[in-house]
C-alpha cells in the first residue's frame, strides 16, 4: 500500500497527509464496481494509444524505463499484453510483478498512468495474438521472424486503477476484476 500512498501524495496536491490518502483509498475500494461512464472514458483513452513507457527496477532497486507497444483484447480494456524476447534483462524485472506505466501523450494530450498494477506472464503465445497485433500495432508481426515469434514471451499488465489525464480531464478510474 505504500507505493499507492506515495502515488496519491505525489499526484493529488489536495492530500496533505497519509491519513487523508488512506481515507480516500478506503472510499474508492468501498465501491467495488467501475461505473459505466468511467469505463467509456477509459476505453476512449485506450483506443487512442498502444504505446507506453514501462518502468521496472532490478534486484538492487535501480530503475529502468523502456518504451513498449501493447495490445488489448476485446473483453478487458484494463489488461494489456506485450511481448519480449526471453534473453533480455527485463525478464527478471518483469517476473517480480512490480512496475509502473505511462502512455505516450496523444494529440489531445491524453495519457494513462498507473503504479497500481500487476505484471505476470500470460498463457498466450505471440501467434495466438497475431490478429490483435496486426490490428493494433501494424507492422509489429512482420518485423519478427518465425523463430522470434515462437520465442517471444507474452506478459500481461492488469491495471487495478489508472490516472486519466488530458488537457481538460484529470481523474482516477478504479477496476475490480472478479
Protein backbone atom coordinates (compact mmCIF):
# COMPACT_ATOMS: atom_id res chain seq x y z
CA UNK A 1 0.00 0.00 0.00
CA UNK A 2 2.98 2.32 0.49
CA UNK A 3 3.57 2.84 -3.26
CA UNK A 4 -0.12 3.66 -3.68
CA UNK A 5 0.00 6.19 -0.82
CA UNK A 6 3.12 7.82 -2.30
CA UNK A 7 1.48 7.90 -5.73
CA UNK A 8 -1.55 9.81 -4.39
CA UNK A 9 0.57 12.18 -2.28
CA UNK A 10 2.64 12.97 -5.35
CA UNK A 11 -0.18 13.26 -7.91
CA UNK A 12 -3.03 14.76 -5.86
CA UNK A 13 -1.99 18.03 -4.23
CA UNK A 14 -5.23 18.20 -2.23
CA UNK A 15 -3.86 15.42 0.03
CA UNK A 16 -1.60 16.77 2.74
CA UNK A 17 -1.35 13.71 4.96
CA UNK A 18 -1.10 9.95 4.80
CA UNK A 19 -4.38 9.69 6.76
CA UNK A 20 -6.20 11.67 4.05
CA UNK A 21 -4.84 9.37 1.35
CA UNK A 22 -5.80 6.22 3.26
CA UNK A 23 -9.33 7.56 3.77
CA UNK A 24 -9.55 8.29 0.04
CA UNK A 25 -8.30 4.79 -0.89
CA UNK A 26 -10.77 3.19 1.53
CA UNK A 27 -13.60 5.19 -0.02
CA UNK A 28 -12.54 4.14 -3.53
CA UNK A 29 -12.40 0.48 -2.52
CA UNK A 30 -15.83 0.64 -0.88
CA UNK A 31 -17.42 0.88 -4.35
CA UNK A 32 -16.22 -2.37 -5.98
CA UNK A 33 -17.62 -1.80 -9.47
CA UNK A 34 -16.39 0.60 -12.06
CA UNK A 35 -19.10 2.92 -13.32
CA UNK A 36 -20.09 2.51 -16.96
CA UNK A 37 -19.25 6.16 -17.66
CA UNK A 38 -15.72 5.65 -16.26
CA UNK A 39 -15.30 2.57 -18.43
CA UNK A 40 -16.29 4.56 -21.55
CA UNK A 41 -13.78 7.30 -20.69
CA UNK A 42 -11.06 4.75 -20.07
CA UNK A 43 -11.87 2.92 -23.31
CA UNK A 44 -11.65 6.23 -25.21
CA UNK A 45 -8.14 6.78 -23.85
CA UNK A 46 -7.05 3.19 -24.56
CA UNK A 47 -8.41 3.29 -28.12
CA UNK A 48 -6.09 6.20 -28.93
CA UNK A 49 -2.81 4.64 -27.86
CA UNK A 50 -0.80 1.43 -27.95
CA UNK A 51 2.50 2.79 -26.69
CA UNK A 52 3.62 3.06 -23.08
CA UNK A 53 6.65 3.78 -21.00
CA UNK A 54 7.10 0.72 -18.79
CA UNK A 55 9.18 1.24 -15.64
CA UNK A 56 10.61 -1.56 -13.52
CA UNK A 57 13.63 -1.99 -11.27
CA UNK A 58 16.36 -4.56 -10.88
CA UNK A 59 17.21 -6.52 -7.72
CA UNK A 60 19.20 -3.54 -6.41
CA UNK A 61 16.34 -1.12 -6.93
CA UNK A 62 17.94 0.52 -9.98
CA UNK A 63 15.03 1.82 -12.07
CA UNK A 64 14.72 1.14 -15.76
CA UNK A 65 12.20 2.50 -18.24
CA UNK A 66 11.55 1.36 -21.77
CA UNK A 67 9.06 2.25 -24.46
CA UNK A 68 6.78 -0.70 -25.28
CA UNK A 69 3.88 -1.38 -27.61
CA UNK A 70 0.87 -3.20 -26.18
CA UNK A 71 -2.42 -4.71 -27.28
CA UNK A 72 -5.79 -5.01 -25.58
CA UNK A 73 -8.16 -7.92 -26.05
CA UNK A 74 -11.85 -7.28 -26.58
CA UNK A 75 -13.17 -8.22 -23.14
CA UNK A 76 -10.86 -6.41 -20.70
CA UNK A 77 -9.55 -2.92 -21.54
CA UNK A 78 -7.59 -2.78 -18.27
CA UNK A 79 -5.45 -5.82 -19.15
CA UNK A 80 -2.71 -5.01 -21.63
CA UNK A 81 -0.45 -7.55 -23.33
CA UNK A 82 3.06 -7.12 -24.68
CA UNK A 83 5.82 -9.41 -25.82
CA UNK A 84 9.51 -9.50 -25.12
CA UNK A 85 12.44 -11.68 -26.08
CA UNK A 86 13.34 -14.26 -23.40
CA UNK A 87 17.02 -13.31 -23.18
CA UNK A 88 16.66 -9.68 -22.12
CA UNK A 89 17.47 -8.31 -18.63
CA UNK A 90 13.93 -7.03 -18.25
CA UNK A 91 12.61 -10.61 -17.87
CA UNK A 92 13.92 -10.76 -14.29
CA UNK A 93 12.43 -7.35 -13.57
CA UNK A 94 9.06 -8.23 -15.07
CA UNK A 95 8.88 -11.52 -13.18
CA UNK A 96 8.98 -9.53 -9.92
CA UNK A 97 5.49 -8.34 -10.89
CA UNK A 98 6.04 -4.70 -9.94
CA UNK A 99 6.01 -1.89 -12.46
CA UNK A 100 4.57 1.46 -13.39
CA UNK A 101 3.23 2.58 -16.76
CA UNK A 102 2.62 5.85 -18.51
CA UNK A 103 1.26 6.01 -22.04
CA UNK A 104 2.65 8.39 -24.59
CA UNK A 105 0.51 11.53 -24.98
CA UNK A 106 -1.98 11.59 -27.85
CA UNK A 107 -2.61 14.69 -29.97
CA UNK A 108 -5.29 15.62 -27.40
CA UNK A 109 -2.82 15.24 -24.55
CA UNK A 110 -4.46 12.03 -23.33
CA UNK A 111 -2.32 9.80 -21.14
CA UNK A 112 -2.91 6.84 -18.85
CA UNK A 113 -0.63 6.32 -15.84
CA UNK A 114 -0.63 3.72 -13.11
CA UNK A 115 1.58 2.24 -10.45
CA UNK A 116 -1.32 0.17 -9.09
CA UNK A 117 -1.00 -2.80 -11.37
CA UNK A 118 0.12 -6.39 -11.57
CA UNK A 119 2.53 -7.79 -14.16
CA UNK A 120 2.57 -11.50 -14.92
CA UNK A 121 3.41 -13.97 -17.67
CA UNK A 122 0.33 -14.59 -19.80
CA UNK A 123 -0.66 -18.01 -21.08
CA UNK A 124 -0.65 -16.83 -24.70
CA UNK A 125 1.83 -17.45 -27.46
CA UNK A 126 2.52 -14.50 -29.75
CA UNK A 127 0.97 -16.19 -32.79
CA UNK A 128 -2.30 -16.59 -30.84
CA UNK A 129 -2.45 -12.79 -30.57
CA UNK A 130 -1.40 -12.09 -34.17
CA UNK A 131 -4.79 -10.71 -35.26
CA UNK A 132 -4.78 -8.24 -32.34
CA UNK A 133 -1.20 -7.16 -33.10
CA UNK A 134 -1.98 -6.75 -36.80
CA UNK A 135 -4.98 -4.54 -35.97
CA UNK A 136 -3.49 -2.52 -33.09
CA UNK A 137 0.25 -2.42 -33.86
CA UNK A 138 0.54 -2.69 -37.66
CA UNK A 139 3.89 -3.97 -38.84
CA UNK A 140 4.94 -5.48 -35.50
CA UNK A 141 4.35 -9.10 -36.54
CA UNK A 142 6.03 -8.51 -39.91
CA UNK A 143 9.22 -7.38 -38.16
CA UNK A 144 9.70 -10.72 -36.37
CA UNK A 145 10.99 -13.97 -37.83
CA UNK A 146 9.06 -17.20 -37.23
CA UNK A 147 11.75 -18.18 -34.69
CA UNK A 148 11.43 -14.84 -32.86
CA UNK A 149 7.62 -15.15 -32.75
CA UNK A 150 7.93 -18.62 -31.23
CA UNK A 151 10.41 -17.48 -28.55
CA UNK A 152 8.59 -14.27 -27.59
CA UNK A 153 7.25 -14.26 -24.02
CA UNK A 154 3.89 -12.60 -23.55
CA UNK A 155 3.27 -10.58 -20.39
CA UNK A 156 0.05 -9.09 -19.11
CA UNK A 157 -0.36 -5.87 -17.18
CA UNK A 158 -3.54 -5.80 -15.14
CA UNK A 159 -4.38 -2.26 -14.11
CA UNK A 160 -6.01 -2.04 -10.67
CA UNK A 161 -6.53 1.69 -11.15
CA UNK A 162 -5.32 4.30 -13.59
CA UNK A 163 -4.97 8.03 -13.80
CA UNK A 164 -6.56 9.53 -16.93
CA UNK A 165 -5.21 12.90 -17.94
CA UNK A 166 -5.74 15.16 -20.91
CA UNK A 167 -5.67 18.88 -21.49
CA UNK A 168 -9.09 19.14 -19.79
CA UNK A 169 -9.58 15.89 -17.81
CA UNK A 170 -7.85 14.61 -14.70
CA UNK A 171 -9.41 11.65 -12.96
CA UNK A 172 -8.82 8.26 -11.40
CA UNK A 173 -10.52 5.06 -12.59
CA UNK A 174 -10.54 2.00 -10.34
CA UNK A 175 -11.03 -1.53 -11.67
CA UNK A 176 -12.09 -4.56 -9.71
CA UNK A 177 -11.71 -7.86 -11.53
CA UNK A 178 -13.73 -10.82 -10.32
